[in-house]
Protein backbone atom coordinates (compact mmCIF):
# COMPACT_ATOMS: atom_id res chain seq x y z
CA MET A 1 -16.03 -16.61 4.87
CA THR A 2 -19.33 -15.36 6.20
CA ALA A 3 -20.36 -11.74 6.66
CA THR A 4 -19.47 -11.93 10.36
CA ASP A 5 -15.88 -12.87 9.49
CA TRP A 6 -15.27 -9.38 8.07
CA THR A 7 -14.63 -6.20 10.06
CA GLU A 8 -14.74 -2.56 9.04
CA VAL A 9 -11.35 -0.85 9.39
CA TYR A 10 -12.08 2.41 7.56
CA ASN A 11 -14.99 4.46 6.28
CA THR A 12 -15.23 7.51 4.09
CA THR A 13 -17.60 9.26 1.73
CA ASP A 14 -15.01 9.10 -1.07
CA PRO A 15 -15.09 5.81 -3.01
CA HIS A 16 -11.72 6.60 -4.66
CA GLU A 17 -10.05 6.95 -1.26
CA ALA A 18 -11.54 3.61 -0.18
CA GLU A 19 -10.26 1.91 -3.34
CA LEU A 20 -6.78 3.37 -2.84
CA LEU A 21 -6.70 2.00 0.70
CA ARG A 22 -7.99 -1.39 -0.46
CA GLY A 23 -5.19 -1.53 -3.02
CA MET A 24 -2.58 -0.62 -0.41
CA LEU A 25 -3.89 -3.28 1.98
CA GLU A 26 -3.83 -5.92 -0.75
CA ALA A 27 -0.28 -4.89 -1.73
CA GLU A 28 0.63 -5.68 1.90
CA GLU A 29 -1.09 -9.09 1.56
CA VAL A 30 -4.17 -8.10 3.59
CA GLN A 31 -7.32 -9.26 1.84
CA ALA A 32 -9.84 -6.40 1.67
CA PHE A 33 -12.98 -5.28 -0.11
CA VAL A 34 -14.96 -2.06 -0.42
CA MET A 35 -18.61 -1.98 0.62
CA ASP A 36 -20.44 1.01 -0.87
CA HIS A 37 -23.44 2.12 1.21
CA ARG A 38 -24.05 5.33 -0.71
CA SER A 39 -27.48 6.03 -2.15
CA SER A 40 -27.71 5.59 -5.91
CA ALA A 41 -30.11 8.55 -6.07
CA TYR A 42 -27.97 10.74 -3.78
CA PRO A 43 -24.34 9.53 -4.03
CA ASN A 44 -23.15 12.20 -1.59
CA LEU A 45 -25.18 10.53 1.15
CA GLY A 46 -23.90 7.43 2.86
CA GLU A 47 -20.48 5.96 3.35
CA VAL A 48 -18.02 3.60 1.77
CA LYS A 49 -16.44 1.01 4.08
CA VAL A 50 -13.20 -0.94 3.76
CA MET A 51 -13.58 -4.42 5.20
CA VAL A 52 -10.91 -7.00 6.13
CA PRO A 53 -11.00 -10.50 7.60
CA ARG A 54 -11.40 -10.39 11.36
CA GLU A 55 -8.07 -12.14 11.98
CA LEU A 56 -6.20 -9.38 10.07
CA VAL A 57 -7.79 -6.36 11.81
CA VAL A 58 -4.78 -5.40 13.95
CA ARG A 59 -2.42 -5.47 10.99
CA ALA A 60 -4.94 -3.61 8.81
CA ILE A 61 -5.44 -0.86 11.39
CA HIS A 62 -1.68 -0.34 11.54
CA LEU A 63 -1.63 0.00 7.74
CA VAL A 64 -4.63 2.37 7.78
CA LYS A 65 -2.74 4.64 10.18
CA LYS A 66 0.21 4.56 7.79
CA PHE A 67 -2.16 5.39 4.89
CA ARG A 68 -3.58 8.37 6.80
CA GLY A 69 -0.14 9.55 7.88
CA THR A 70 -0.90 9.23 11.60
């Protein structure tokens, strides 16, 4: 897969929240990874993104809504 084959389905400033979501997605057989764009000097700045393969975006978004309770 190339970088363009992945799509962001969630972003947060909390890396633990992103990892929890990644684990939930993978438990539902949706491949996912966390991309951390926070500054190493200022970890409170920036965001953490959860990425999934483009062909699984619709399913992932449904699961993200379930994760968020919406």
